Amino acid sequence: MSQQDLNRIHVDIFGHQYSLRGQASSAHMRLVAALVDEKMKEIAQVNSRFDLGKVAVLSAVNIADEYIRLLEEYKDLLNALQQDIDKTKTKT
């Protein structure tokens, strides 16, 4: 994919303007930016003395934690589905 094929948007995250470029749709990139903005505001509300860097890192840690938990839940669901499929196969 060439540079010309990339979507480019401008977003506001935690009061700062950013230019994002990527293969994802503009709507997807806006959703990602909104999630990061929301998480950073949530972290900043806990302690207003946190500087931008600390807010950003703690937001990244929280988002990574949520991502890992969802991956584990996804794997558990796949395993449960595979077990159901295996049980069905042995019954027939």
PDB file of N, CA and C in Angstrom:
ATOM      1  N   MET A   1       0.850  -1.173   0.000  1.00  0.00           N
ATOM      2  CA  MET A   1       0.000   0.000   0.000  1.00  0.00           C
ATOM      3  C   MET A   1       0.897   1.238   0.000  1.00  0.00           C
ATOM      4  N   SER A   2       0.642   2.143  -0.898  1.00  0.00           N
ATOM      5  CA  SER A   2       1.470   3.340  -0.996  1.00  0.00           C
ATOM      6  C   SER A   2       0.994   4.397   0.002  1.00  0.00           C
ATOM      7  N   GLN A   3       1.823   5.394   0.196  1.00  0.00           N
ATOM      8  CA  GLN A   3       1.484   6.489   1.100  1.00  0.00           C
ATOM      9  C   GLN A   3       0.180   7.162   0.668  1.00  0.00           C
ATOM     10  N   GLN A   4      -0.066   7.186  -0.631  1.00  0.00           N
ATOM     11  CA  GLN A   4      -1.273   7.832  -1.145  1.00  0.00           C
ATOM     12  C   GLN A   4      -2.532   7.052  -0.797  1.00  0.00           C
ATOM     13  N   ASP A   5      -2.405   5.764  -0.552  1.00  0.00           N
ATOM     14  CA  ASP A   5      -3.558   4.924  -0.242  1.00  0.00           C
ATOM     15  C   ASP A   5      -3.960   4.991   1.236  1.00  0.00           C
ATOM     16  N   LEU A   6      -3.145   5.616   2.056  1.00  0.00           N
ATOM     17  CA  LEU A   6      -3.429   5.683   3.486  1.00  0.00           C
ATOM     18  C   LEU A   6      -4.478   6.750   3.774  1.00  0.00           C
ATOM     19  N   ASN A   7      -5.361   6.452   4.714  1.00  0.00           N
ATOM     20  CA  ASN A   7      -6.317   7.449   5.180  1.00  0.00           C
ATOM     21  C   ASN A   7      -5.600   8.392   6.136  1.00  0.00           C
ATOM     22  N   ARG A   8      -5.932   9.651   6.074  1.00  0.00           N
ATOM     23  CA  ARG A   8      -5.312  10.642   6.958  1.00  0.00           C
ATOM     24  C   ARG A   8      -6.410  11.488   7.581  1.00  0.00           C
ATOM     25  N   ILE A   9      -6.357  11.601   8.916  1.00  0.00           N
ATOM     26  CA  ILE A   9      -7.347  12.411   9.624  1.00  0.00           C
ATOM     27  C   ILE A   9      -6.645  13.236  10.691  1.00  0.00           C
ATOM     28  N   HIS A  10      -7.351  14.243  11.168  1.00  0.00           N
ATOM     29  CA  HIS A  10      -6.870  15.063  12.282  1.00  0.00           C
ATOM     30  C   HIS A  10      -7.818  14.834  13.448  1.00  0.00           C
ATOM     31  N   VAL A  11      -7.260  14.589  14.609  1.00  0.00           N
ATOM     32  CA  VAL A  11      -8.068  14.317  15.799  1.00  0.00           C
ATOM     33  C   VAL A  11      -7.560  15.140  16.975  1.00  0.00           C
ATOM     34  N   ASP A  12      -8.414  15.282  17.959  1.00  0.00           N
ATOM     35  CA  ASP A  12      -8.048  15.944  19.208  1.00  0.00           C
ATOM     36  C   ASP A  12      -8.044  14.888  20.300  1.00  0.00           C
ATOM     37  N   ILE A  13      -6.894  14.732  20.937  1.00  0.00           N
ATOM     38  CA  ILE A  13      -6.773  13.783  22.048  1.00  0.00           C
ATOM     39  C   ILE A  13      -6.221  14.542  23.239  1.00  0.00           C
ATOM     40  N   PHE A  14      -7.027  14.624  24.277  1.00  0.00           N
ATOM     41  CA  PHE A  14      -6.635  15.258  25.536  1.00  0.00           C
ATOM     42  C   PHE A  14      -6.142  16.692  25.307  1.00  0.00           C
ATOM     43  N   GLY A  15      -6.863  17.399  24.418  1.00  0.00           N
ATOM     44  CA  GLY A  15      -6.564  18.798  24.172  1.00  0.00           C
ATOM     45  C   GLY A  15      -5.410  19.064  23.219  1.00  0.00           C
ATOM     46  N   HIS A  16      -4.899  18.024  22.585  1.00  0.00           N
ATOM     47  CA  HIS A  16      -3.801  18.174  21.634  1.00  0.00           C
ATOM     48  C   HIS A  16      -4.248  17.661  20.269  1.00  0.00           C
ATOM     49  N   GLN A  17      -3.823  18.346  19.229  1.00  0.00           N
ATOM     50  CA  GLN A  17      -4.159  17.949  17.861  1.00  0.00           C
ATOM     51  C   GLN A  17      -3.121  16.951  17.341  1.00  0.00           C
ATOM     52  N   TYR A  18      -3.622  15.903  16.699  1.00  0.00           N
ATOM     53  CA  TYR A  18      -2.755  14.885  16.114  1.00  0.00           C
ATOM     54  C   TYR A  18      -3.229  14.581  14.701  1.00  0.00           C
ATOM     55  N   SER A  19      -2.300  14.293  13.838  1.00  0.00           N
ATOM     56  CA  SER A  19      -2.598  13.843  12.489  1.00  0.00           C
ATOM     57  C   SER A  19      -2.327  12.345  12.455  1.00  0.00           C
ATOM     58  N   LEU A  20      -3.343  11.570  12.119  1.00  0.00           N
ATOM     59  CA  LEU A  20      -3.206  10.115  12.066  1.00  0.00           C
ATOM     60  C   LEU A  20      -3.270   9.658  10.614  1.00  0.00           C
ATOM     61  N   ARG A  21      -2.453   8.692  10.292  1.00  0.00           N
ATOM     62  CA  ARG A  21      -2.441   8.077   8.967  1.00  0.00           C
ATOM     63  C   ARG A  21      -2.453   6.575   9.139  1.00  0.00           C
ATOM     64  N   GLY A  22      -3.254   5.903   8.348  1.00  0.00           N
ATOM     65  CA  GLY A  22      -3.265   4.455   8.449  1.00  0.00           C
ATOM     66  C   GLY A  22      -4.151   3.810   7.412  1.00  0.00           C
ATOM     67  N   GLN A  23      -4.103   2.488   7.386  1.00  0.00           N
ATOM     68  CA  GLN A  23      -4.896   1.704   6.448  1.00  0.00           C
ATOM     69  C   GLN A  23      -6.340   1.563   6.907  1.00  0.00           C
ATOM     70  N   ALA A  24      -6.575   1.742   8.199  1.00  0.00           N
ATOM     71  CA  ALA A  24      -7.924   1.606   8.734  1.00  0.00           C
ATOM     72  C   ALA A  24      -8.803   2.740   8.206  1.00  0.00           C
ATOM     73  N   SER A  25     -10.099   2.515   8.278  1.00  0.00           N
ATOM     74  CA  SER A  25     -11.028   3.552   7.829  1.00  0.00           C
ATOM     75  C   SER A  25     -10.921   4.776   8.739  1.00  0.00           C
ATOM     76  N   SER A  26     -11.329   5.901   8.208  1.00  0.00           N
ATOM     77  CA  SER A  26     -11.333   7.132   9.000  1.00  0.00           C
ATOM     78  C   SER A  26     -12.206   6.970  10.234  1.00  0.00           C
ATOM     79  N   ALA A  27     -13.342   6.303  10.072  1.00  0.00           N
ATOM     80  CA  ALA A  27     -14.247   6.089  11.207  1.00  0.00           C
ATOM     81  C   ALA A  27     -13.571   5.267  12.296  1.00  0.00           C
ATOM     82  N   HIS A  28     -12.828   4.243  11.895  1.00  0.00           N
ATOM     83  CA  HIS A  28     -12.128   3.405  12.870  1.00  0.00           C
ATOM     84  C   HIS A  28     -11.057   4.211  13.608  1.00  0.00           C
ATOM     85  N   MET A  29     -10.288   4.998  12.866  1.00  0.00           N
ATOM     86  CA  MET A  29      -9.243   5.800  13.499  1.00  0.00           C
ATOM     87  C   MET A  29      -9.836   6.832  14.451  1.00  0.00           C
ATOM     88  N   ARG A  30     -10.993   7.403  14.092  1.00  0.00           N
ATOM     89  CA  ARG A  30     -11.663   8.360  14.995  1.00  0.00           C
ATOM     90  C   ARG A  30     -12.143   7.651  16.260  1.00  0.00           C
ATOM     91  N   LEU A  31     -12.636   6.442  16.118  1.00  0.00           N
ATOM     92  CA  LEU A  31     -13.079   5.656  17.272  1.00  0.00           C
ATOM     93  C   LEU A  31     -11.910   5.361  18.206  1.00  0.00           C
ATOM     94  N   VAL A  32     -10.770   4.980  17.639  1.00  0.00           N
ATOM     95  CA  VAL A  32      -9.569   4.715  18.434  1.00  0.00           C
ATOM     96  C   VAL A  32      -9.135   5.987  19.171  1.00  0.00           C
ATOM     97  N   ALA A  33      -9.105   7.099  18.449  1.00  0.00           N
ATOM     98  CA  ALA A  33      -8.711   8.369  19.063  1.00  0.00           C
ATOM     99  C   ALA A  33      -9.676   8.754  20.191  1.00  0.00           C
ATOM    100  N   ALA A  34     -10.968   8.525  19.981  1.00  0.00           N
ATOM    101  CA  ALA A  34     -11.963   8.844  21.010  1.00  0.00           C
ATOM    102  C   ALA A  34     -11.767   7.972  22.244  1.00  0.00           C
ATOM    103  N   LEU A  35     -11.435   6.699  22.044  1.00  0.00           N
ATOM    104  CA  LEU A  35     -11.175   5.803  23.167  1.00  0.00           C
ATOM    105  C   LEU A  35      -9.972   6.288  23.980  1.00  0.00           C
ATOM    106  N   VAL A  36      -8.898   6.653  23.296  1.00  0.00           N
ATOM    107  CA  VAL A  36      -7.697   7.139  23.982  1.00  0.00           C
ATOM    108  C   VAL A  36      -8.013   8.439  24.721  1.00  0.00           C
ATOM    109  N   ASP A  37      -8.718   9.342  24.072  1.00  0.00           N
ATOM    110  CA  ASP A  37      -9.093  10.610  24.697  1.00  0.00           C
ATOM    111  C   ASP A  37      -9.928  10.371  25.955  1.00  0.00           C
ATOM    112  N   GLU A  38     -10.904   9.491  25.845  1.00  0.00           N
ATOM    113  CA  GLU A  38     -11.777   9.167  26.982  1.00  0.00           C
ATOM    114  C   GLU A  38     -10.969   8.573  28.137  1.00  0.00           C
ATOM    115  N   LYS A  39     -10.067   7.648  27.823  1.00  0.00           N
ATOM    116  CA  LYS A  39      -9.268   7.000  28.866  1.00  0.00           C
ATOM    117  C   LYS A  39      -8.347   8.010  29.537  1.00  0.00           C
ATOM    118  N   MET A  40      -7.751   8.902  28.752  1.00  0.00           N
ATOM    119  CA  MET A  40      -6.852   9.901  29.327  1.00  0.00           C
ATOM    120  C   MET A  40      -7.621  10.858  30.247  1.00  0.00           C
ATOM    121  N   LYS A  41      -8.815  11.252  29.852  1.00  0.00           N
ATOM    122  CA  LYS A  41      -9.635  12.120  30.701  1.00  0.00           C
ATOM    123  C   LYS A  41     -10.033  11.412  31.985  1.00  0.00           C
ATOM    124  N   GLU A  42     -10.345  10.141  31.871  1.00  0.00           N
ATOM    125  CA  GLU A  42     -10.705   9.326  33.031  1.00  0.00           C
ATOM    126  C   GLU A  42      -9.533   9.266  34.024  1.00  0.00           C
ATOM    127  N   ILE A  43      -8.331   9.016  33.527  1.00  0.00           N
ATOM    128  CA  ILE A  43      -7.139   8.938  34.375  1.00  0.00           C
ATOM    129  C   ILE A  43      -6.851  10.303  35.000  1.00  0.00           C
ATOM    130  N   ALA A  44      -6.970  11.367  34.212  1.00  0.00           N
ATOM    131  CA  ALA A  44      -6.680  12.715  34.706  1.00  0.00           C
ATOM    132  C   ALA A  44      -7.647  13.133  35.812  1.00  0.00           C
ATOM    133  N   GLN A  45      -8.877  12.629  35.762  1.00  0.00           N
ATOM    134  CA  GLN A  45      -9.852  12.968  36.800  1.00  0.00           C
ATOM    135  C   GLN A  45      -9.475  12.356  38.147  1.00  0.00           C
ATOM    136  N   VAL A  46      -8.780  11.241  38.111  1.00  0.00           N
ATOM    137  CA  VAL A  46      -8.365  10.580  39.348  1.00  0.00           C
ATOM    138  C   VAL A  46      -7.368  11.446  40.103  1.00  0.00           C
ATOM    139  N   ASN A  47      -6.435  12.042  39.365  1.00  0.00           N
ATOM    140  CA  ASN A  47      -5.444  12.916  39.987  1.00  0.00           C
ATOM    141  C   ASN A  47      -5.073  14.021  38.999  1.00  0.00           C
ATOM    142  N   SER A  48      -5.549  15.191  39.276  1.00  0.00           N
ATOM    143  CA  SER A  48      -5.331  16.319  38.358  1.00  0.00           C
ATOM    144  C   SER A  48      -3.883  16.788  38.342  1.00  0.00           C
ATOM    145  N   ARG A  49      -3.056  16.294  39.243  1.00  0.00           N
ATOM    146  CA  ARG A  49      -1.644  16.704  39.271  1.00  0.00           C
ATOM    147  C   ARG A  49      -0.773  15.884  38.326  1.00  0.00           C
ATOM    148  N   PHE A  50      -1.326  14.831  37.724  1.00  0.00           N
ATOM    149  CA  PHE A  50      -0.541  14.033  36.780  1.00  0.00           C
ATOM    150  C   PHE A  50      -0.205  14.885  35.557  1.00  0.00           C
ATOM    151  N   ASP A  51       1.045  14.810  35.104  1.00  0.00           N
ATOM    152  CA  ASP A  51       1.414  15.512  33.877  1.00  0.00           C
ATOM    153  C   ASP A  51       0.970  14.684  32.674  1.00  0.00           C
ATOM    154  N   LEU A  52       1.093  15.269  31.498  1.00  0.00           N
ATOM    155  CA  LEU A  52       0.639  14.623  30.269  1.00  0.00           C
ATOM    156  C   LEU A  52       1.279  13.255  30.072  1.00  0.00           C
ATOM    157  N   GLY A  53       2.573  13.159  30.325  1.00  0.00           N
ATOM    158  CA  GLY A  53       3.271  11.887  30.142  1.00  0.00           C
ATOM    159  C   GLY A  53       2.734  10.799  31.042  1.00  0.00           C
ATOM    160  N   LYS A  54       2.503  11.128  32.292  1.00  0.00           N
ATOM    161  CA  LYS A  54       1.996  10.135  33.235  1.00  0.00           C
ATOM    162  C   LYS A  54       0.572   9.721  32.863  1.00  0.00           C
ATOM    163  N   VAL A  55      -0.251  10.684  32.479  1.00  0.00           N
ATOM    164  CA  VAL A  55      -1.613  10.372  32.052  1.00  0.00           C
ATOM    165  C   VAL A  55      -1.581   9.436  30.838  1.00  0.00           C
ATOM    166  N   ALA A  56      -0.688   9.734  29.887  1.00  0.00           N
ATOM    167  CA  ALA A  56      -0.590   8.923  28.678  1.00  0.00           C
ATOM    168  C   ALA A  56      -0.145   7.496  28.999  1.00  0.00           C
ATOM    169  N   VAL A  57       0.877   7.360  29.838  1.00  0.00           N
ATOM    170  CA  VAL A  57       1.388   6.021  30.173  1.00  0.00           C
ATOM    171  C   VAL A  57       0.346   5.231  30.948  1.00  0.00           C
ATOM    172  N   LEU A  58      -0.287   5.841  31.934  1.00  0.00           N
ATOM    173  CA  LEU A  58      -1.301   5.126  32.711  1.00  0.00           C
ATOM    174  C   LEU A  58      -2.498   4.759  31.841  1.00  0.00           C
ATOM    175  N   SER A  59      -2.832   5.605  30.888  1.00  0.00           N
ATOM    176  CA  SER A  59      -3.907   5.280  29.948  1.00  0.00           C
ATOM    177  C   SER A  59      -3.521   4.079  29.090  1.00  0.00           C
ATOM    178  N   ALA A  60      -2.291   4.077  28.604  1.00  0.00           N
ATOM    179  CA  ALA A  60      -1.810   2.952  27.792  1.00  0.00           C
ATOM    180  C   ALA A  60      -1.825   1.659  28.602  1.00  0.00           C
ATOM    181  N   VAL A  61      -1.421   1.723  29.861  1.00  0.00           N
ATOM    182  CA  VAL A  61      -1.424   0.533  30.720  1.00  0.00           C
ATOM    183  C   VAL A  61      -2.851   0.031  30.904  1.00  0.00           C
ATOM    184  N   ASN A  62      -3.786   0.936  31.152  1.00  0.00           N
ATOM    185  CA  ASN A  62      -5.181   0.535  31.331  1.00  0.00           C
ATOM    186  C   ASN A  62      -5.753  -0.071  30.057  1.00  0.00           C
ATOM    187  N   ILE A  63      -5.486   0.543  28.919  1.00  0.00           N
ATOM    188  CA  ILE A  63      -5.983   0.020  27.646  1.00  0.00           C
ATOM    189  C   ILE A  63      -5.359  -1.341  27.344  1.00  0.00           C
ATOM    190  N   ALA A  64      -4.063  -1.501  27.607  1.00  0.00           N
ATOM    191  CA  ALA A  64      -3.393  -2.788  27.396  1.00  0.00           C
ATOM    192  C   ALA A  64      -3.990  -3.858  28.301  1.00  0.00           C
ATOM    193  N   ASP A  65      -4.289  -3.499  29.546  1.00  0.00           N
ATOM    194  CA  ASP A  65      -4.905  -4.445  30.478  1.00  0.00           C
ATOM    195  C   ASP A  65      -6.264  -4.904  29.952  1.00  0.00           C
ATOM    196  N   GLU A  66      -7.076  -3.963  29.491  1.00  0.00           N
ATOM    197  CA  GLU A  66      -8.386  -4.314  28.935  1.00  0.00           C
ATOM    198  C   GLU A  66      -8.229  -5.219  27.714  1.00  0.00           C
ATOM    199  N   TYR A  67      -7.257  -4.901  26.878  1.00  0.00           N
ATOM    200  CA  TYR A  67      -7.005  -5.698  25.669  1.00  0.00           C
ATOM    201  C   TYR A  67      -6.614  -7.133  26.033  1.00  0.00           C
ATOM    202  N   ILE A  68      -5.705  -7.285  26.971  1.00  0.00           N
ATOM    203  CA  ILE A  68      -5.252  -8.620  27.380  1.00  0.00           C
ATOM    204  C   ILE A  68      -6.392  -9.416  27.991  1.00  0.00           C
ATOM    205  N   ARG A  69      -7.199  -8.767  28.825  1.00  0.00           N
ATOM    206  CA  ARG A  69      -8.352  -9.458  29.415  1.00  0.00           C
ATOM    207  C   ARG A  69      -9.323  -9.930  28.330  1.00  0.00           C
ATOM    208  N   LEU A  70      -9.561  -9.088  27.322  1.00  0.00           N
ATOM    209  CA  LEU A  70     -10.444  -9.483  26.227  1.00  0.00           C
ATOM    210  C   LEU A  70      -9.861 -10.634  25.419  1.00  0.00           C
ATOM    211  N   LEU A  71      -8.540 -10.613  25.191  1.00  0.00           N
ATOM    212  CA  LEU A  71      -7.897 -11.730  24.486  1.00  0.00           C
ATOM    213  C   LEU A  71      -8.060 -13.034  25.256  1.00  0.00           C
ATOM    214  N   GLU A  72      -7.873 -12.975  26.576  1.00  0.00           N
ATOM    215  CA  GLU A  72      -8.029 -14.175  27.395  1.00  0.00           C
ATOM    216  C   GLU A  72      -9.471 -14.673  27.351  1.00  0.00           C
ATOM    217  N   GLU A  73     -10.429 -13.744  27.412  1.00  0.00           N
ATOM    218  CA  GLU A  73     -11.838 -14.129  27.332  1.00  0.00           C
ATOM    219  C   GLU A  73     -12.150 -14.751  25.963  1.00  0.00           C
ATOM    220  N   TYR A  74     -11.591 -14.180  24.924  1.00  0.00           N
ATOM    221  CA  TYR A  74     -11.770 -14.701  23.565  1.00  0.00           C
ATOM    222  C   TYR A  74     -11.208 -16.127  23.458  1.00  0.00           C
ATOM    223  N   LYS A  75     -10.005 -16.330  23.993  1.00  0.00           N
ATOM    224  CA  LYS A  75      -9.396 -17.666  23.958  1.00  0.00           C
ATOM    225  C   LYS A  75     -10.236 -18.660  24.747  1.00  0.00           C
ATOM    226  N   ASP A  76     -10.753 -18.248  25.903  1.00  0.00           N
ATOM    227  CA  ASP A  76     -11.601 -19.130  26.701  1.00  0.00           C
ATOM    228  C   ASP A  76     -12.868 -19.508  25.931  1.00  0.00           C
ATOM    229  N   LEU A  77     -13.446 -18.530  25.238  1.00  0.00           N
ATOM    230  CA  LEU A  77     -14.645 -18.806  24.450  1.00  0.00           C
ATOM    231  C   LEU A  77     -14.343 -19.762  23.296  1.00  0.00           C
ATOM    232  N   LEU A  78     -13.205 -19.551  22.631  1.00  0.00           N
ATOM    233  CA  LEU A  78     -12.813 -20.470  21.553  1.00  0.00           C
ATOM    234  C   LEU A  78     -12.606 -21.878  22.081  1.00  0.00           C
ATOM    235  N   ASN A  79     -11.967 -22.002  23.238  1.00  0.00           N
ATOM    236  CA  ASN A  79     -11.754 -23.319  23.840  1.00  0.00           C
ATOM    237  C   ASN A  79     -13.078 -23.981  24.190  1.00  0.00           C
ATOM    238  N   ALA A  80     -14.006 -23.217  24.754  1.00  0.00           N
ATOM    239  CA  ALA A  80     -15.309 -23.762  25.110  1.00  0.00           C
ATOM    240  C   ALA A  80     -16.059 -24.202  23.858  1.00  0.00           C
ATOM    241  N   LEU A  81     -15.973 -23.405  22.815  1.00  0.00           N
ATOM    242  CA  LEU A  81     -16.615 -23.764  21.552  1.00  0.00           C
ATOM    243  C   LEU A  81     -16.009 -25.043  20.972  1.00  0.00           C
ATOM    244  N   GLN A  82     -14.687 -25.147  21.016  1.00  0.00           N
ATOM    245  CA  GLN A  82     -14.025 -26.343  20.500  1.00  0.00           C
ATOM    246  C   GLN A  82     -14.414 -27.571  21.309  1.00  0.00           C
ATOM    247  N   GLN A  83     -14.539 -27.420  22.625  1.00  0.00           N
ATOM    248  CA  GLN A  83     -14.968 -28.543  23.464  1.00  0.00           C
ATOM    249  C   GLN A  83     -16.383 -28.980  23.108  1.00  0.00           C
ATOM    250  N   ASP A  84     -17.265 -28.007  22.858  1.00  0.00           N
ATOM    251  CA  ASP A  84     -18.637 -28.342  22.451  1.00  0.00           C
ATOM    252  C   ASP A  84     -18.642 -29.071  21.109  1.00  0.00           C
ATOM    253  N   ILE A  85     -17.808 -28.608  20.191  1.00  0.00           N
ATOM    254  CA  ILE A  85     -17.712 -29.265  18.875  1.00  0.00           C
ATOM    255  C   ILE A  85     -17.198 -30.687  19.052  1.00  0.00           C
ATOM    256  N   ASP A  86     -16.156 -30.864  19.876  1.00  0.00           N
ATOM    257  CA  ASP A  86     -15.604 -32.197  20.114  1.00  0.00           C
ATOM    258  C   ASP A  86     -16.626 -33.128  20.741  1.00  0.00           C
ATOM    259  N   LYS A  87     -17.422 -32.619  21.705  1.00  0.00           N
ATOM    260  CA  LYS A  87     -18.457 -33.427  22.353  1.00  0.00           C
ATOM    261  C   LYS A  87     -19.515 -33.854  21.336  1.00  0.00           C
ATOM    262  N   THR A  88     -19.876 -32.933  20.472  1.00  0.00           N
ATOM    263  CA  THR A  88     -20.885 -33.228  19.451  1.00  0.00           C
ATOM    264  C   THR A  88     -20.367 -34.319  18.501  1.00  0.00           C
ATOM    265  N   LYS A  89     -19.092 -34.236  18.143  1.00  0.00           N
ATOM    266  CA  LYS A  89     -18.504 -35.231  17.231  1.00  0.00           C
ATOM    267  C   LYS A  89     -18.466 -36.611  17.856  1.00  0.00           C
ATOM    268  N   THR A  90     -18.178 -36.684  19.164  1.00  0.00           N
ATOM    269  CA  THR A  90     -18.077 -37.995  19.819  1.00  0.00           C
ATOM    270  C   THR A  90     -19.443 -38.620  20.026  1.00  0.00           C
ATOM    271  N   LYS A  91     -20.497 -37.806  20.067  1.00  0.00           N
ATOM    272  CA  LYS A  91     -21.853 -38.341  20.257  1.00  0.00           C
ATOM    273  C   LYS A  91     -22.396 -38.960  18.980  1.00  0.00           C
ATOM    274  N   THR A  92     -21.870 -38.534  17.847  1.00  0.00           N
ATOM    275  CA  THR A  92     -22.405 -39.046  16.568  1.00  0.00           C
ATOM    276  C   THR A  92     -21.670 -40.235  16.066  1.00  0.00           C
TER     277      THR A  92
END
